[in-house]
N, C-alpha and C. Protein backbone atom coordinates (compact mmCIF):
# COMPACT_ATOMS: atom_id res chain seq x y z
N MET A 1 -11.74 30.38 -12.50
CA MET A 1 -10.98 30.70 -11.30
C MET A 1 -9.50 30.72 -11.64
N LYS A 2 -8.86 31.79 -11.29
CA LYS A 2 -7.44 31.96 -11.60
C LYS A 2 -6.60 31.26 -10.53
N PRO A 3 -5.59 30.48 -10.93
CA PRO A 3 -4.75 29.81 -9.94
C PRO A 3 -3.96 30.83 -9.11
N SER A 4 -3.70 30.46 -7.89
CA SER A 4 -2.95 31.37 -7.02
C SER A 4 -1.46 31.24 -7.32
N PRO A 5 -0.73 32.33 -7.24
CA PRO A 5 0.70 32.28 -7.55
C PRO A 5 1.48 31.57 -6.45
N ALA A 6 2.66 31.14 -6.80
CA ALA A 6 3.54 30.49 -5.83
C ALA A 6 3.96 31.50 -4.77
N PRO A 7 4.21 31.05 -3.56
CA PRO A 7 4.63 31.99 -2.51
C PRO A 7 5.98 32.61 -2.84
N ARG A 8 6.14 33.85 -2.48
CA ARG A 8 7.39 34.58 -2.73
C ARG A 8 8.37 34.34 -1.60
N HIS A 9 9.62 34.31 -1.93
CA HIS A 9 10.66 34.17 -0.92
C HIS A 9 10.75 35.48 -0.13
N PRO A 10 10.89 35.40 1.19
CA PRO A 10 10.92 36.62 2.00
C PRO A 10 11.98 37.63 1.58
N SER A 11 13.10 37.16 1.07
CA SER A 11 14.18 38.09 0.71
C SER A 11 13.84 38.93 -0.53
N THR A 12 12.87 38.50 -1.33
CA THR A 12 12.54 39.25 -2.55
C THR A 12 11.19 39.97 -2.47
N LYS A 13 10.46 39.80 -1.37
CA LYS A 13 9.14 40.43 -1.26
C LYS A 13 9.21 41.94 -1.44
N ASN A 14 10.11 42.59 -0.72
CA ASN A 14 10.21 44.05 -0.79
C ASN A 14 10.64 44.50 -2.18
N LEU A 15 11.57 43.79 -2.79
CA LEU A 15 12.03 44.15 -4.13
C LEU A 15 10.90 44.03 -5.15
N LEU A 16 10.13 42.96 -5.06
CA LEU A 16 9.01 42.80 -5.98
C LEU A 16 7.95 43.89 -5.77
N ARG A 17 7.64 44.19 -4.54
CA ARG A 17 6.66 45.23 -4.25
C ARG A 17 7.14 46.58 -4.80
N GLU A 18 8.41 46.86 -4.64
CA GLU A 18 8.98 48.12 -5.15
C GLU A 18 8.89 48.20 -6.67
N GLN A 19 9.24 47.12 -7.34
CA GLN A 19 9.21 47.11 -8.81
C GLN A 19 7.78 47.22 -9.33
N MET A 20 6.84 46.57 -8.67
CA MET A 20 5.45 46.63 -9.11
C MET A 20 4.88 48.04 -8.94
N SER A 21 5.27 48.73 -7.87
CA SER A 21 4.73 50.08 -7.66
C SER A 21 5.38 51.09 -8.61
N SER A 22 6.64 50.88 -8.95
CA SER A 22 7.31 51.83 -9.85
C SER A 22 7.04 51.53 -11.33
N HIS A 23 6.58 50.32 -11.64
CA HIS A 23 6.28 49.93 -13.03
C HIS A 23 4.90 49.27 -13.08
N PRO A 24 3.83 50.04 -13.09
CA PRO A 24 2.48 49.45 -13.07
C PRO A 24 2.17 48.61 -14.32
N GLU A 25 2.89 48.83 -15.40
CA GLU A 25 2.65 48.03 -16.61
C GLU A 25 2.98 46.56 -16.38
N ILE A 26 3.88 46.28 -15.46
CA ILE A 26 4.21 44.88 -15.14
C ILE A 26 3.00 44.19 -14.56
N LYS A 27 2.34 44.86 -13.61
CA LYS A 27 1.14 44.29 -12.98
C LYS A 27 0.04 44.07 -14.01
N ARG A 28 -0.15 45.03 -14.91
CA ARG A 28 -1.17 44.87 -15.96
C ARG A 28 -0.84 43.69 -16.86
N GLU A 29 0.42 43.52 -17.20
CA GLU A 29 0.83 42.41 -18.08
C GLU A 29 0.63 41.06 -17.39
N ILE A 30 0.88 41.02 -16.11
CA ILE A 30 0.69 39.77 -15.35
C ILE A 30 -0.79 39.41 -15.31
N ASP A 31 -1.64 40.40 -15.11
CA ASP A 31 -3.07 40.16 -14.98
C ASP A 31 -3.81 40.02 -16.31
N ARG A 32 -3.14 40.37 -17.40
CA ARG A 32 -3.79 40.33 -18.72
C ARG A 32 -4.06 38.89 -19.15
N LYS A 33 -5.25 38.68 -19.68
CA LYS A 33 -5.63 37.36 -20.18
C LYS A 33 -5.35 37.32 -21.68
N ASP A 34 -4.56 36.36 -22.12
CA ASP A 34 -4.20 36.23 -23.53
C ASP A 34 -5.12 35.18 -24.16
N ASP A 35 -6.16 35.64 -24.85
CA ASP A 35 -7.15 34.72 -25.41
C ASP A 35 -6.57 33.81 -26.49
N LYS A 36 -5.64 34.32 -27.27
CA LYS A 36 -5.03 33.49 -28.31
C LYS A 36 -4.25 32.33 -27.68
N LEU A 37 -3.45 32.65 -26.68
CA LEU A 37 -2.69 31.60 -26.00
C LEU A 37 -3.61 30.62 -25.30
N LEU A 38 -4.66 31.12 -24.68
CA LEU A 38 -5.61 30.26 -24.00
C LEU A 38 -6.28 29.29 -24.96
N SER A 39 -6.64 29.77 -26.14
CA SER A 39 -7.28 28.88 -27.12
C SER A 39 -6.29 27.82 -27.62
N LEU A 40 -5.04 28.21 -27.78
CA LEU A 40 -4.03 27.21 -28.19
C LEU A 40 -3.83 26.16 -27.11
N LEU A 41 -3.81 26.57 -25.86
CA LEU A 41 -3.63 25.61 -24.76
C LEU A 41 -4.82 24.67 -24.64
N LYS A 42 -6.01 25.15 -24.95
CA LYS A 42 -7.20 24.29 -24.88
C LYS A 42 -7.16 23.20 -25.94
N ASP A 43 -6.43 23.43 -27.03
CA ASP A 43 -6.34 22.44 -28.11
C ASP A 43 -5.28 21.38 -27.86
N VAL A 44 -4.49 21.55 -26.82
CA VAL A 44 -3.42 20.59 -26.54
C VAL A 44 -4.02 19.34 -25.91
N TYR A 45 -3.66 18.19 -26.44
CA TYR A 45 -4.10 16.91 -25.89
C TYR A 45 -2.88 16.03 -25.75
N VAL A 46 -2.67 15.51 -24.57
CA VAL A 46 -1.50 14.67 -24.32
C VAL A 46 -1.99 13.26 -24.00
N ASP A 47 -1.51 12.32 -24.76
CA ASP A 47 -1.81 10.91 -24.52
C ASP A 47 -0.50 10.24 -24.18
N SER A 48 -0.36 9.79 -22.97
CA SER A 48 0.92 9.29 -22.50
C SER A 48 0.77 7.89 -21.93
N GLN A 49 1.80 7.09 -22.11
CA GLN A 49 1.84 5.75 -21.53
C GLN A 49 3.21 5.54 -20.94
N ASP A 50 3.26 4.80 -19.83
CA ASP A 50 4.54 4.49 -19.22
C ASP A 50 5.31 3.53 -20.11
N PRO A 51 6.63 3.72 -20.22
CA PRO A 51 7.42 2.79 -21.03
C PRO A 51 7.50 1.43 -20.36
N VAL A 52 7.63 0.40 -21.17
CA VAL A 52 7.76 -0.96 -20.65
C VAL A 52 9.18 -1.14 -20.16
N SER A 53 9.32 -1.56 -18.91
CA SER A 53 10.67 -1.76 -18.39
C SER A 53 11.27 -3.03 -18.97
N SER A 54 12.58 -3.15 -18.91
CA SER A 54 13.24 -4.32 -19.46
C SER A 54 12.89 -5.58 -18.68
N LEU A 55 12.59 -5.46 -17.39
CA LEU A 55 12.22 -6.63 -16.60
C LEU A 55 10.84 -7.15 -16.99
N GLN A 56 9.93 -6.26 -17.34
CA GLN A 56 8.59 -6.70 -17.74
C GLN A 56 8.64 -7.40 -19.09
N GLY A 57 9.59 -7.05 -19.91
CA GLY A 57 9.69 -7.64 -21.24
C GLY A 57 10.25 -9.05 -21.23
N LYS A 58 10.97 -9.42 -20.18
CA LYS A 58 11.55 -10.76 -20.11
C LYS A 58 10.47 -11.80 -19.86
N ASP A 59 10.73 -12.97 -20.31
CA ASP A 59 9.81 -14.08 -20.06
C ASP A 59 9.92 -14.48 -18.60
N ALA A 60 8.81 -14.75 -17.98
CA ALA A 60 8.79 -15.09 -16.55
C ALA A 60 9.56 -16.38 -16.28
N ALA A 61 9.64 -17.27 -17.24
CA ALA A 61 10.33 -18.54 -17.05
C ALA A 61 11.84 -18.35 -16.98
N THR A 62 12.38 -17.31 -17.59
CA THR A 62 13.83 -17.12 -17.58
C THR A 62 14.31 -16.42 -16.32
N ARG A 63 13.41 -15.89 -15.54
CA ARG A 63 13.82 -15.23 -14.30
C ARG A 63 14.22 -16.25 -13.25
N GLN A 64 15.18 -15.88 -12.44
CA GLN A 64 15.59 -16.76 -11.35
C GLN A 64 14.58 -16.68 -10.23
N LYS A 65 14.35 -17.81 -9.62
CA LYS A 65 13.44 -17.82 -8.48
C LYS A 65 14.18 -17.27 -7.28
N PRO A 66 13.49 -16.59 -6.38
CA PRO A 66 14.16 -16.07 -5.19
C PRO A 66 14.70 -17.19 -4.32
N LYS A 67 15.85 -16.95 -3.73
CA LYS A 67 16.44 -17.96 -2.85
C LYS A 67 15.67 -18.01 -1.55
N GLU A 68 15.68 -19.17 -0.95
CA GLU A 68 14.95 -19.34 0.31
C GLU A 68 15.88 -18.99 1.47
N PHE A 69 15.42 -18.15 2.34
CA PHE A 69 16.18 -17.77 3.52
C PHE A 69 15.40 -18.23 4.76
N ARG A 70 16.12 -18.81 5.68
CA ARG A 70 15.48 -19.22 6.92
C ARG A 70 16.15 -18.53 8.08
N THR A 71 15.36 -18.11 9.01
CA THR A 71 15.90 -17.52 10.22
C THR A 71 15.47 -18.37 11.40
N TYR A 72 16.29 -18.43 12.40
CA TYR A 72 16.01 -19.23 13.57
C TYR A 72 16.03 -18.34 14.80
N SER A 73 15.13 -18.63 15.70
CA SER A 73 15.21 -17.97 16.99
C SER A 73 15.85 -18.96 17.96
N LEU A 74 16.20 -18.52 19.11
CA LEU A 74 16.86 -19.38 20.09
C LEU A 74 15.98 -20.56 20.49
N PHE A 75 14.67 -20.36 20.46
CA PHE A 75 13.75 -21.42 20.91
C PHE A 75 13.38 -22.39 19.80
N SER A 76 13.59 -22.03 18.56
CA SER A 76 13.19 -22.94 17.49
C SER A 76 14.39 -23.40 16.66
N ALA A 77 15.60 -23.16 17.13
CA ALA A 77 16.79 -23.53 16.38
C ALA A 77 16.98 -25.05 16.43
N PRO A 78 17.55 -25.60 15.39
CA PRO A 78 17.84 -27.05 15.38
C PRO A 78 18.84 -27.38 16.51
N SER A 79 18.89 -28.65 16.85
CA SER A 79 19.70 -29.06 18.00
C SER A 79 21.19 -28.77 17.80
N PHE A 80 21.70 -28.83 16.56
CA PHE A 80 23.13 -28.55 16.35
C PHE A 80 23.46 -27.08 16.63
N VAL A 81 22.46 -26.18 16.51
CA VAL A 81 22.70 -24.78 16.79
C VAL A 81 22.66 -24.54 18.29
N GLN A 82 21.80 -25.27 18.99
CA GLN A 82 21.64 -25.05 20.43
C GLN A 82 22.78 -25.70 21.23
N GLY A 83 23.57 -26.51 20.61
CA GLY A 83 24.70 -27.16 21.29
C GLY A 83 24.28 -28.39 22.06
N ALA A 84 23.32 -29.13 21.54
CA ALA A 84 22.83 -30.32 22.24
C ALA A 84 23.73 -31.50 22.07
């Protein structure tokens, strides 16, 4: 199954249609299947791994612990906040 081409921008649709009708060899070249190129692409194998970030490389013991933040609502605030 051949992949579908990307959508054309409306401003170039007429220009592309005109060029394709006046130069039919362009259409033939686009539709031509290149067996040599296809065989080369089938031989390509990519083995990829994400790089280790600098934070992952650090020892967990050297990292700072997150600071503790507390929030208070009007109903649960300590007495010095409520003005008692």
